[in-house]
Amino acid sequence: MTGNLFNTLPDASRDEITEILARGNEVRIERIVSCGQSSPDGFWYDQSEHEWVALLAGSARLELQDPEQCLELTPGDHVLIPAHRRHRVAATDPDIETVWLAVFYSDG
């Protein structure tokens, strides 16, 4: 199957849109489209999987704990978030779509 990550972007003006592009036994690849969304106040992701995420378009600010880190992401930036490292999306660009490519995986 072929496709283009930027063709026919879903309308994320009201809600962030997550699409699973591929999955296997220990891996899942998602395209996430945001437009101004952020994690709810006080909410932190605490996932059992590792997450490698690349920002393809737009901009975003990620906050991570243990140690505290604030990352301003622009197109081309990527980060590996180890399993159980608490993190949240503090902001995404409200004027244009922010497109993420996220790879979730386990150690097996």
PDB file of N, CA and C in Angstrom:
ATOM      1  N   MET A   1       0.842  -1.175   0.000  1.00  0.00           N
ATOM      2  CA  MET A   1       0.000   0.000   0.000  1.00  0.00           C
ATOM      3  C   MET A   1       0.887   1.236   0.000  1.00  0.00           C
ATOM      4  N   THR A   2       0.543   2.211  -0.825  1.00  0.00           N
ATOM      5  CA  THR A   2       1.294   3.464  -0.872  1.00  0.00           C
ATOM      6  C   THR A   2       0.372   4.606  -0.492  1.00  0.00           C
ATOM      7  N   GLY A   3       0.974   5.709  -0.156  1.00  0.00           N
ATOM      8  CA  GLY A   3       0.202   6.887   0.203  1.00  0.00           C
ATOM      9  C   GLY A   3       1.126   8.071   0.398  1.00  0.00           C
ATOM     10  N   ASN A   4       0.540   9.197   0.701  1.00  0.00           N
ATOM     11  CA  ASN A   4       1.287  10.409   0.978  1.00  0.00           C
ATOM     12  C   ASN A   4       0.771  10.961   2.300  1.00  0.00           C
ATOM     13  N   LEU A   5       1.675  11.210   3.237  1.00  0.00           N
ATOM     14  CA  LEU A   5       1.284  11.649   4.576  1.00  0.00           C
ATOM     15  C   LEU A   5       0.609  13.020   4.595  1.00  0.00           C
ATOM     16  N   PHE A   6       0.755  13.782   3.507  1.00  0.00           N
ATOM     17  CA  PHE A   6       0.208  15.137   3.486  1.00  0.00           C
ATOM     18  C   PHE A   6      -1.032  15.282   2.610  1.00  0.00           C
ATOM     19  N   ASN A   7      -1.334  14.288   1.785  1.00  0.00           N
ATOM     20  CA  ASN A   7      -2.547  14.354   0.957  1.00  0.00           C
ATOM     21  C   ASN A   7      -3.762  14.083   1.818  1.00  0.00           C
ATOM     22  N   THR A   8      -4.813  14.784   1.535  1.00  0.00           N
ATOM     23  CA  THR A   8      -6.103  14.611   2.209  1.00  0.00           C
ATOM     24  C   THR A   8      -5.975  14.558   3.730  1.00  0.00           C
ATOM     25  N   LEU A   9      -5.379  15.613   4.289  1.00  0.00           N
ATOM     26  CA  LEU A   9      -5.301  15.698   5.750  1.00  0.00           C
ATOM     27  C   LEU A   9      -6.713  15.832   6.317  1.00  0.00           C
ATOM     28  N   PRO A  10      -7.004  15.109   7.381  1.00  0.00           N
ATOM     29  CA  PRO A  10      -8.327  15.236   7.998  1.00  0.00           C
ATOM     30  C   PRO A  10      -8.471  16.602   8.673  1.00  0.00           C
ATOM     31  N   ASP A  11      -9.690  17.034   8.860  1.00  0.00           N
ATOM     32  CA  ASP A  11      -9.971  18.310   9.518  1.00  0.00           C
ATOM     33  C   ASP A  11      -9.781  18.137  11.028  1.00  0.00           C
ATOM     34  N   ALA A  12      -8.716  18.721  11.542  1.00  0.00           N
ATOM     35  CA  ALA A  12      -8.399  18.619  12.969  1.00  0.00           C
ATOM     36  C   ALA A  12      -8.726  19.914  13.706  1.00  0.00           C
ATOM     37  N   SER A  13      -9.595  20.732  13.135  1.00  0.00           N
ATOM     38  CA  SER A  13      -9.906  22.018  13.770  1.00  0.00           C
ATOM     39  C   SER A  13     -10.669  21.843  15.081  1.00  0.00           C
ATOM     40  N   ARG A  14     -11.402  20.751  15.231  1.00  0.00           N
ATOM     41  CA  ARG A  14     -12.163  20.519  16.468  1.00  0.00           C
ATOM     42  C   ARG A  14     -11.494  19.505  17.382  1.00  0.00           C
ATOM     43  N   ASP A  15     -10.949  18.438  16.786  1.00  0.00           N
ATOM     44  CA  ASP A  15     -10.323  17.373  17.564  1.00  0.00           C
ATOM     45  C   ASP A  15      -9.078  16.880  16.855  1.00  0.00           C
ATOM     46  N   GLU A  16      -8.096  16.468  17.631  1.00  0.00           N
ATOM     47  CA  GLU A  16      -6.913  15.823  17.071  1.00  0.00           C
ATOM     48  C   GLU A  16      -7.347  14.509  16.421  1.00  0.00           C
ATOM     49  N   ILE A  17      -6.731  14.174  15.280  1.00  0.00           N
ATOM     50  CA  ILE A  17      -7.086  12.968  14.531  1.00  0.00           C
ATOM     51  C   ILE A  17      -5.878  12.026  14.504  1.00  0.00           C
ATOM     52  N   THR A  18      -6.090  10.794  14.933  1.00  0.00           N
ATOM     53  CA  THR A  18      -5.047   9.772  14.923  1.00  0.00           C
ATOM     54  C   THR A  18      -5.460   8.661  13.976  1.00  0.00           C
ATOM     55  N   GLU A  19      -4.543   8.291  13.072  1.00  0.00           N
ATOM     56  CA  GLU A  19      -4.788   7.201  12.131  1.00  0.00           C
ATOM     57  C   GLU A  19      -3.656   6.186  12.243  1.00  0.00           C
ATOM     58  N   ILE A  20      -4.002   4.921  12.391  1.00  0.00           N
ATOM     59  CA  ILE A  20      -2.990   3.864  12.402  1.00  0.00           C
ATOM     60  C   ILE A  20      -2.634   3.541  10.959  1.00  0.00           C
ATOM     61  N   LEU A  21      -1.354   3.696  10.621  1.00  0.00           N
ATOM     62  CA  LEU A  21      -0.881   3.439   9.269  1.00  0.00           C
ATOM     63  C   LEU A  21      -0.414   1.998   9.098  1.00  0.00           C
ATOM     64  N   ALA A  22       0.153   1.429  10.155  1.00  0.00           N
ATOM     65  CA  ALA A  22       0.646   0.048  10.111  1.00  0.00           C
ATOM     66  C   ALA A  22       0.788  -0.442  11.541  1.00  0.00           C
ATOM     67  N   ARG A  23       0.703  -1.767  11.692  1.00  0.00           N
ATOM     68  CA  ARG A  23       0.919  -2.347  13.015  1.00  0.00           C
ATOM     69  C   ARG A  23       1.427  -3.756  12.856  1.00  0.00           C
ATOM     70  N   GLY A  24       2.153  -4.203  13.869  1.00  0.00           N
ATOM     71  CA  GLY A  24       2.671  -5.563  13.921  1.00  0.00           C
ATOM     72  C   GLY A  24       2.601  -6.052  15.348  1.00  0.00           C
ATOM     73  N   ASN A  25       3.298  -7.139  15.641  1.00  0.00           N
ATOM     74  CA  ASN A  25       3.249  -7.725  16.980  1.00  0.00           C
ATOM     75  C   ASN A  25       3.691  -6.751  18.069  1.00  0.00           C
ATOM     76  N   GLU A  26       4.755  -6.040  17.832  1.00  0.00           N
ATOM     77  CA  GLU A  26       5.323  -5.170  18.873  1.00  0.00           C
ATOM     78  C   GLU A  26       5.481  -3.726  18.413  1.00  0.00           C
ATOM     79  N   VAL A  27       4.812  -3.333  17.317  1.00  0.00           N
ATOM     80  CA  VAL A  27       4.985  -1.976  16.786  1.00  0.00           C
ATOM     81  C   VAL A  27       3.665  -1.462  16.211  1.00  0.00           C
ATOM     82  N   ARG A  28       3.475  -0.135  16.325  1.00  0.00           N
ATOM     83  CA  ARG A  28       2.319   0.544  15.748  1.00  0.00           C
ATOM     84  C   ARG A  28       2.810   1.895  15.219  1.00  0.00           C
ATOM     85  N   ILE A  29       2.432   2.225  13.984  1.00  0.00           N
ATOM     86  CA  ILE A  29       2.833   3.489  13.368  1.00  0.00           C
ATOM     87  C   ILE A  29       1.572   4.310  13.139  1.00  0.00           C
ATOM     88  N   GLU A  30       1.591   5.555  13.604  1.00  0.00           N
ATOM     89  CA  GLU A  30       0.416   6.419  13.509  1.00  0.00           C
ATOM     90  C   GLU A  30       0.771   7.754  12.864  1.00  0.00           C
ATOM     91  N   ARG A  31      -0.193   8.306  12.133  1.00  0.00           N
ATOM     92  CA  ARG A  31      -0.135   9.706  11.717  1.00  0.00           C
ATOM     93  C   ARG A  31      -1.118  10.432  12.613  1.00  0.00           C
ATOM     94  N   ILE A  32      -0.647  11.509  13.230  1.00  0.00           N
ATOM     95  CA  ILE A  32      -1.479  12.312  14.118  1.00  0.00           C
ATOM     96  C   ILE A  32      -1.533  13.722  13.531  1.00  0.00           C
ATOM     97  N   VAL A  33      -2.737  14.264  13.414  1.00  0.00           N
ATOM     98  CA  VAL A  33      -2.912  15.624  12.909  1.00  0.00           C
ATOM     99  C   VAL A  33      -3.578  16.449  14.006  1.00  0.00           C
ATOM    100  N   SER A  34      -2.922  17.550  14.364  1.00  0.00           N
ATOM    101  CA  SER A  34      -3.406  18.457  15.405  1.00  0.00           C
ATOM    102  C   SER A  34      -3.539  19.849  14.812  1.00  0.00           C
ATOM    103  N   CYS A  35      -4.389  20.648  15.415  1.00  0.00           N
ATOM    104  CA  CYS A  35      -4.498  22.060  15.021  1.00  0.00           C
ATOM    105  C   CYS A  35      -4.950  22.839  16.251  1.00  0.00           C
ATOM    106  N   GLY A  36      -3.983  23.198  17.087  1.00  0.00           N
ATOM    107  CA  GLY A  36      -4.276  23.963  18.293  1.00  0.00           C
ATOM    108  C   GLY A  36      -4.568  23.122  19.521  1.00  0.00           C
ATOM    109  N   GLN A  37      -4.622  21.797  19.379  1.00  0.00           N
ATOM    110  CA  GLN A  37      -4.926  20.955  20.536  1.00  0.00           C
ATOM    111  C   GLN A  37      -3.708  20.819  21.456  1.00  0.00           C
ATOM    112  N   SER A  38      -4.017  20.510  22.698  1.00  0.00           N
ATOM    113  CA  SER A  38      -2.981  20.211  23.694  1.00  0.00           C
ATOM    114  C   SER A  38      -3.577  19.222  24.685  1.00  0.00           C
ATOM    115  N   SER A  39      -2.701  18.648  25.494  1.00  0.00           N
ATOM    116  CA  SER A  39      -3.176  17.743  26.547  1.00  0.00           C
ATOM    117  C   SER A  39      -3.969  18.551  27.569  1.00  0.00           C
ATOM    118  N   PRO A  40      -4.994  17.964  28.165  1.00  0.00           N
ATOM    119  CA  PRO A  40      -5.741  18.680  29.206  1.00  0.00           C
ATOM    120  C   PRO A  40      -4.822  19.082  30.364  1.00  0.00           C
ATOM    121  N   ASP A  41      -5.161  20.174  31.022  1.00  0.00           N
ATOM    122  CA  ASP A  41      -4.385  20.633  32.181  1.00  0.00           C
ATOM    123  C   ASP A  41      -4.230  19.497  33.183  1.00  0.00           C
ATOM    124  N   GLY A  42      -3.009  19.277  33.623  1.00  0.00           N
ATOM    125  CA  GLY A  42      -2.731  18.259  34.631  1.00  0.00           C
ATOM    126  C   GLY A  42      -2.644  16.839  34.094  1.00  0.00           C
ATOM    127  N   PHE A  43      -2.933  16.634  32.793  1.00  0.00           N
ATOM    128  CA  PHE A  43      -2.876  15.284  32.220  1.00  0.00           C
ATOM    129  C   PHE A  43      -1.473  14.979  31.717  1.00  0.00           C
ATOM    130  N   TRP A  44      -0.984  13.774  32.028  1.00  0.00           N
ATOM    131  CA  TRP A  44       0.318  13.304  31.561  1.00  0.00           C
ATOM    132  C   TRP A  44       0.158  11.904  30.985  1.00  0.00           C
ATOM    133  N   TYR A  45       0.698  11.690  29.791  1.00  0.00           N
ATOM    134  CA  TYR A  45       0.763  10.334  29.244  1.00  0.00           C
ATOM    135  C   TYR A  45       1.774   9.538  30.054  1.00  0.00           C
ATOM    136  N   ASP A  46       1.467   8.285  30.332  1.00  0.00           N
ATOM    137  CA  ASP A  46       2.384   7.357  30.995  1.00  0.00           C
ATOM    138  C   ASP A  46       2.175   6.009  30.315  1.00  0.00           C
ATOM    139  N   GLN A  47       2.879   5.810  29.219  1.00  0.00           N
ATOM    140  CA  GLN A  47       2.648   4.681  28.325  1.00  0.00           C
ATOM    141  C   GLN A  47       3.563   3.509  28.635  1.00  0.00           C
ATOM    142  N   SER A  48       3.069   2.314  28.380  1.00  0.00           N
ATOM    143  CA  SER A  48       3.882   1.110  28.574  1.00  0.00           C
ATOM    144  C   SER A  48       4.763   0.832  27.360  1.00  0.00           C
ATOM    145  N   GLU A  49       4.574   1.594  26.269  1.00  0.00           N
ATOM    146  CA  GLU A  49       5.383   1.439  25.061  1.00  0.00           C
ATOM    147  C   GLU A  49       6.365   2.601  24.948  1.00  0.00           C
ATOM    148  N   HIS A  50       7.467   2.370  24.229  1.00  0.00           N
ATOM    149  CA  HIS A  50       8.351   3.458  23.830  1.00  0.00           C
ATOM    150  C   HIS A  50       7.653   4.192  22.684  1.00  0.00           C
ATOM    151  N   GLU A  51       7.925   5.482  22.558  1.00  0.00           N
ATOM    152  CA  GLU A  51       7.343   6.253  21.456  1.00  0.00           C
ATOM    153  C   GLU A  51       8.430   7.090  20.801  1.00  0.00           C
ATOM    154  N   TRP A  52       8.635   6.845  19.526  1.00  0.00           N
ATOM    155  CA  TRP A  52       9.488   7.715  18.715  1.00  0.00           C
ATOM    156  C   TRP A  52       8.549   8.559  17.892  1.00  0.00           C
ATOM    157  N   VAL A  53       8.688   9.864  17.971  1.00  0.00           N
ATOM    158  CA  VAL A  53       7.775  10.755  17.256  1.00  0.00           C
ATOM    159  C   VAL A  53       8.590  11.787  16.490  1.00  0.00           C
ATOM    160  N   ALA A  54       8.157  12.026  15.241  1.00  0.00           N
ATOM    161  CA  ALA A  54       8.774  13.056  14.400  1.00  0.00           C
ATOM    162  C   ALA A  54       7.696  14.070  14.043  1.00  0.00           C
ATOM    163  N   LEU A  55       8.057  15.334  14.095  1.00  0.00           N
ATOM    164  CA  LEU A  55       7.149  16.401  13.697  1.00  0.00           C
ATOM    165  C   LEU A  55       7.420  16.695  12.221  1.00  0.00           C
ATOM    166  N   LEU A  56       6.411  16.496  11.385  1.00  0.00           N
ATOM    167  CA  LEU A  56       6.582  16.652   9.945  1.00  0.00           C
ATOM    168  C   LEU A  56       6.148  18.026   9.440  1.00  0.00           C
ATOM    169  N   ALA A  57       5.165  18.641  10.091  1.00  0.00           N
ATOM    170  CA  ALA A  57       4.657  19.955   9.689  1.00  0.00           C
ATOM    171  C   ALA A  57       4.078  20.647  10.912  1.00  0.00           C
ATOM    172  N   GLY A  58       4.047  21.972  10.871  1.00  0.00           N
ATOM    173  CA  GLY A  58       3.504  22.735  11.992  1.00  0.00           C
ATOM    174  C   GLY A  58       4.538  22.927  13.085  1.00  0.00           C
ATOM    175  N   SER A  59       4.064  23.060  14.309  1.00  0.00           N
ATOM    176  CA  SER A  59       4.964  23.212  15.455  1.00  0.00           C
ATOM    177  C   SER A  59       4.239  22.721  16.701  1.00  0.00           C
ATOM    178  N   ALA A  60       5.042  22.370  17.700  1.00  0.00           N
ATOM    179  CA  ALA A  60       4.461  21.855  18.945  1.00  0.00           C
ATOM    180  C   ALA A  60       5.443  22.063  20.086  1.00  0.00           C
ATOM    181  N   ARG A  61       4.905  22.034  21.282  1.00  0.00           N
ATOM    182  CA  ARG A  61       5.728  22.081  22.498  1.00  0.00           C
ATOM    183  C   ARG A  61       5.375  20.854  23.331  1.00  0.00           C
ATOM    184  N   LEU A  62       6.385  20.055  23.636  1.00  0.00           N
ATOM    185  CA  LEU A  62       6.232  18.879  24.488  1.00  0.00           C
ATOM    186  C   LEU A  62       6.846  19.153  25.840  1.00  0.00           C
ATOM    187  N   GLU A  63       6.199  18.682  26.883  1.00  0.00           N
ATOM    188  CA  GLU A  63       6.757  18.734  28.230  1.00  0.00           C
ATOM    189  C   GLU A  63       6.981  17.301  28.689  1.00  0.00           C
ATOM    190  N   LEU A  64       8.150  17.052  29.267  1.00  0.00           N
ATOM    191  CA  LEU A  64       8.497  15.729  29.768  1.00  0.00           C
ATOM    192  C   LEU A  64       8.919  15.839  31.226  1.00  0.00           C
ATOM    193  N   GLN A  65       8.723  14.755  31.967  1.00  0.00           N
ATOM    194  CA  GLN A  65       9.122  14.714  33.377  1.00  0.00           C
ATOM    195  C   GLN A  65      10.236  13.693  33.587  1.00  0.00           C
ATOM    196  N   ASP A  66      10.941  13.867  34.693  1.00  0.00           N
ATOM    197  CA  ASP A  66      11.961  12.919  35.176  1.00  0.00           C
ATOM    198  C   ASP A  66      13.033  12.599  34.157  1.00  0.00           C
ATOM    199  N   PRO A  67      13.891  13.523  33.770  1.00  0.00           N
ATOM    200  CA  PRO A  67      13.975  14.909  34.239  1.00  0.00           C
ATOM    201  C   PRO A  67      13.034  15.827  33.472  1.00  0.00           C
ATOM    202  N   GLU A  68      12.775  16.995  34.080  1.00  0.00           N
ATOM    203  CA  GLU A  68      11.915  17.998  33.471  1.00  0.00           C
ATOM    204  C   GLU A  68      12.566  18.501  32.182  1.00  0.00           C
ATOM    205  N   GLN A  69      11.770  18.569  31.128  1.00  0.00           N
ATOM    206  CA  GLN A  69      12.257  19.042  29.841  1.00  0.00           C
ATOM    207  C   GLN A  69      11.105  19.677  29.097  1.00  0.00           C
ATOM    208  N   CYS A  70      11.367  20.749  28.389  1.00  0.00           N
ATOM    209  CA  CYS A  70      10.377  21.375  27.529  1.00  0.00           C
ATOM    210  C   CYS A  70      11.012  21.464  26.144  1.00  0.00           C
ATOM    211  N   LEU A  71      10.373  20.841  25.153  1.00  0.00           N
ATOM    212  CA  LEU A  71      10.916  20.778  23.804  1.00  0.00           C
ATOM    213  C   LEU A  71      10.029  21.553  22.851  1.00  0.00           C
ATOM    214  N   GLU A  72      10.603  22.504  22.145  1.00  0.00           N
ATOM    215  CA  GLU A  72       9.913  23.231  21.083  1.00  0.00           C
ATOM    216  C   GLU A  72      10.248  22.504  19.789  1.00  0.00           C
ATOM    217  N   LEU A  73       9.243  21.910  19.151  1.00  0.00           N
ATOM    218  CA  LEU A  73       9.464  21.106  17.957  1.00  0.00           C
ATOM    219  C   LEU A  73       9.031  21.839  16.705  1.00  0.00           C
ATOM    220  N   THR A  74       9.860  21.747  15.664  1.00  0.00           N
ATOM    221  CA  THR A  74       9.557  22.283  14.347  1.00  0.00           C
ATOM    222  C   THR A  74       9.767  21.153  13.343  1.00  0.00           C
ATOM    223  N   PRO A  75       9.320  21.322  12.099  1.00  0.00           N
ATOM    224  CA  PRO A  75       9.421  20.234  11.131  1.00  0.00           C
ATOM    225  C   PRO A  75      10.845  19.651  11.046  1.00  0.00           C
ATOM    226  N   GLY A  76      10.888  18.333  11.106  1.00  0.00           N
ATOM    227  CA  GLY A  76      12.151  17.600  11.067  1.00  0.00           C
ATOM    228  C   GLY A  76      12.638  17.162  12.430  1.00  0.00           C
ATOM    229  N   ASP A  77      12.138  17.779  13.496  1.00  0.00           N
ATOM    230  CA  ASP A  77      12.556  17.386  14.847  1.00  0.00           C
ATOM    231  C   ASP A  77      11.925  16.051  15.212  1.00  0.00           C
ATOM    232  N   HIS A  78      12.663  15.257  15.953  1.00  0.00           N
ATOM    233  CA  HIS A  78      12.128  13.984  16.441  1.00  0.00           C
ATOM    234  C   HIS A  78      12.662  13.723  17.835  1.00  0.00           C
ATOM    235  N   VAL A  79      11.947  12.887  18.571  1.00  0.00           N
ATOM    236  CA  VAL A  79      12.318  12.586  19.954  1.00  0.00           C
ATOM    237  C   VAL A  79      11.899  11.153  20.275  1.00  0.00           C
ATOM    238  N   LEU A  80      12.715  10.487  21.063  1.00  0.00           N
ATOM    239  CA  LEU A  80      12.381   9.163  21.576  1.00  0.00           C
ATOM    240  C   LEU A  80      11.949   9.320  23.025  1.00  0.00           C
ATOM    241  N   ILE A  81      10.744   8.879  23.313  1.00  0.00           N
ATOM    242  CA  ILE A  81      10.204   8.958  24.672  1.00  0.00           C
ATOM    243  C   ILE A  81      10.146   7.533  25.218  1.00  0.00           C
ATOM    244  N   PRO A  82      11.015   7.211  26.172  1.00  0.00           N
ATOM    245  CA  PRO A  82      11.017   5.851  26.719  1.00  0.00           C
ATOM    246  C   PRO A  82       9.701   5.515  27.418  1.00  0.00           C
ATOM    247  N   ALA A  83       9.388   4.242  27.452  1.00  0.00           N
ATOM    248  CA  ALA A  83       8.186   3.777  28.151  1.00  0.00           C
ATOM    249  C   ALA A  83       8.165   4.341  29.570  1.00  0.00           C
ATOM    250  N   HIS A  84       7.019   4.775  30.012  1.00  0.00           N
ATOM    251  CA  HIS A  84       6.739   5.301  31.351  1.00  0.00           C
ATOM    252  C   HIS A  84       7.407   6.636  31.664  1.00  0.00           C
ATOM    253  N   ARG A  85       8.016   7.288  30.667  1.00  0.00           N
ATOM    254  CA  ARG A  85       8.439   8.672  30.905  1.00  0.00           C
ATOM    255  C   ARG A  85       7.213   9.548  30.671  1.00  0.00           C
ATOM    256  N   ARG A  86       6.779  10.187  31.729  1.00  0.00           N
ATOM    257  CA  ARG A  86       5.571  10.998  31.647  1.00  0.00           C
ATOM    258  C   ARG A  86       5.810  12.194  30.728  1.00  0.00           C
ATOM    259  N   HIS A  87       4.798  12.450  29.869  1.00  0.00           N
ATOM    260  CA  HIS A  87       4.916  13.554  28.918  1.00  0.00           C
ATOM    261  C   HIS A  87       3.525  14.055  28.545  1.00  0.00           C
ATOM    262  N   ARG A  88       3.504  15.259  27.994  1.00  0.00           N
ATOM    263  CA  ARG A  88       2.250  15.869  27.561  1.00  0.00           C
ATOM    264  C   ARG A  88       2.529  16.817  26.407  1.00  0.00           C
ATOM    265  N   VAL A  89       1.497  17.053  25.605  1.00  0.00           N
ATOM    266  CA  VAL A  89       1.575  18.047  24.541  1.00  0.00           C
ATOM    267  C   VAL A  89       1.088  19.359  25.141  1.00  0.00           C
ATOM    268  N   ALA A  90       2.001  20.304  25.306  1.00  0.00           N
ATOM    269  CA  ALA A  90       1.644  21.583  25.912  1.00  0.00           C
ATOM    270  C   ALA A  90       0.949  22.501  24.912  1.00  0.00           C
ATOM    271  N   ALA A  91       1.306  22.385  23.622  1.00  0.00           N
ATOM    272  CA  ALA A  91       0.687  23.243  22.606  1.00  0.00           C
ATOM    273  C   ALA A  91       0.991  22.702  21.222  1.00  0.00           C
ATOM    274  N   THR A  92       0.066  22.959  20.286  1.00  0.00           N
ATOM    275  CA  THR A  92       0.318  22.766  18.861  1.00  0.00           C
ATOM    276  C   THR A  92      -0.123  24.033  18.147  1.00  0.00           C
ATOM    277  N   ASP A  93       0.396  24.234  16.955  1.00  0.00           N
ATOM    278  CA  ASP A  93       0.112  25.443  16.189  1.00  0.00           C
ATOM    279  C   ASP A  93      -1.398  25.578  15.955  1.00  0.00           C
ATOM    280  N   PRO A  94      -2.001  26.698  16.347  1.00  0.00           N
ATOM    281  CA  PRO A  94      -3.452  26.856  16.158  1.00  0.00           C
ATOM    282  C   PRO A  94      -3.840  27.297  14.748  1.00  0.00           C
ATOM    283  N   ASP A  95      -2.851  27.699  13.932  1.00  0.00           N
ATOM    284  CA  ASP A  95      -3.158  28.277  12.617  1.00  0.00           C
ATOM    285  C   ASP A  95      -2.984  27.309  11.456  1.00  0.00           C
ATOM    286  N   ILE A  96      -2.137  26.301  11.626  1.00  0.00           N
ATOM    287  CA  ILE A  96      -1.918  25.317  10.558  1.00  0.00           C
ATOM    288  C   ILE A  96      -1.865  23.930  11.178  1.00  0.00           C
ATOM    289  N   GLU A  97      -2.078  22.916  10.342  1.00  0.00           N
ATOM    290  CA  GLU A  97      -2.032  21.553  10.841  1.00  0.00           C
ATOM    291  C   GLU A  97      -0.623  21.196  11.308  1.00  0.00           C
ATOM    292  N   THR A  98      -0.570  20.558  12.452  1.00  0.00           N
ATOM    293  CA  THR A  98       0.664  19.955  12.937  1.00  0.00           C
ATOM    294  C   THR A  98       0.542  18.472  12.633  1.00  0.00           C
ATOM    295  N   VAL A  99       1.499  17.953  11.861  1.00  0.00           N
ATOM    296  CA  VAL A  99       1.459  16.559  11.446  1.00  0.00           C
ATOM    297  C   VAL A  99       2.612  15.823  12.116  1.00  0.00           C
ATOM    298  N   TRP A 100       2.249  14.766  12.828  1.00  0.00           N
ATOM    299  CA  TRP A 100       3.203  13.938  13.552  1.00  0.00           C
ATOM    300  C   TRP A 100       3.260  12.551  12.911  1.00  0.00           C
ATOM    301  N   LEU A 101       4.428  11.921  12.971  1.00  0.00           N
ATOM    302  CA  LEU A 101       4.564  10.507  12.655  1.00  0.00           C
ATOM    303  C   LEU A 101       5.070   9.851  13.934  1.00  0.00           C
ATOM    304  N   ALA A 102       4.281   8.944  14.484  1.00  0.00           N
ATOM    305  CA  ALA A 102       4.616   8.330  15.769  1.00  0.00           C
ATOM    306  C   ALA A 102       4.769   6.824  15.596  1.00  0.00           C
ATOM    307  N   VAL A 103       5.841   6.296  16.172  1.00  0.00           N
ATOM    308  CA  VAL A 103       6.107   4.866  16.152  1.00  0.00           C
ATOM    309  C   VAL A 103       6.134   4.398  17.601  1.00  0.00           C
ATOM    310  N   PHE A 104       5.210   3.507  17.949  1.00  0.00           N
ATOM    311  CA  PHE A 104       5.123   2.943  19.292  1.00  0.00           C
ATOM    312  C   PHE A 104       5.645   1.519  19.229  1.00  0.00           C
ATOM    313  N   TYR A 105       6.502   1.151  20.191  1.00  0.00           N
ATOM    314  CA  TYR A 105       7.041  -0.212  20.163  1.00  0.00           C
ATOM    315  C   TYR A 105       7.384  -0.674  21.569  1.00  0.00           C
ATOM    316  N   SER A 106       7.427  -1.985  21.715  1.00  0.00           N
ATOM    317  CA  SER A 106       7.790  -2.621  22.995  1.00  0.00           C
ATOM    318  C   SER A 106       9.133  -3.307  22.824  1.00  0.00           C
ATOM    319  N   ASP A 107       9.743  -3.636  23.955  1.00  0.00           N
ATOM    320  CA  ASP A 107      11.014  -4.342  23.903  1.00  0.00           C
ATOM    321  C   ASP A 107      10.828  -5.812  23.543  1.00  0.00           C
ATOM    322  N   GLY A 108       9.601  -6.282  23.600  1.00  0.00           N
ATOM    323  CA  GLY A 108       9.334  -7.669  23.217  1.00  0.00           C
ATOM    324  C   GLY A 108       9.425  -8.551  24.340  1.00  0.00           C
TER     325      GLY A 108
END
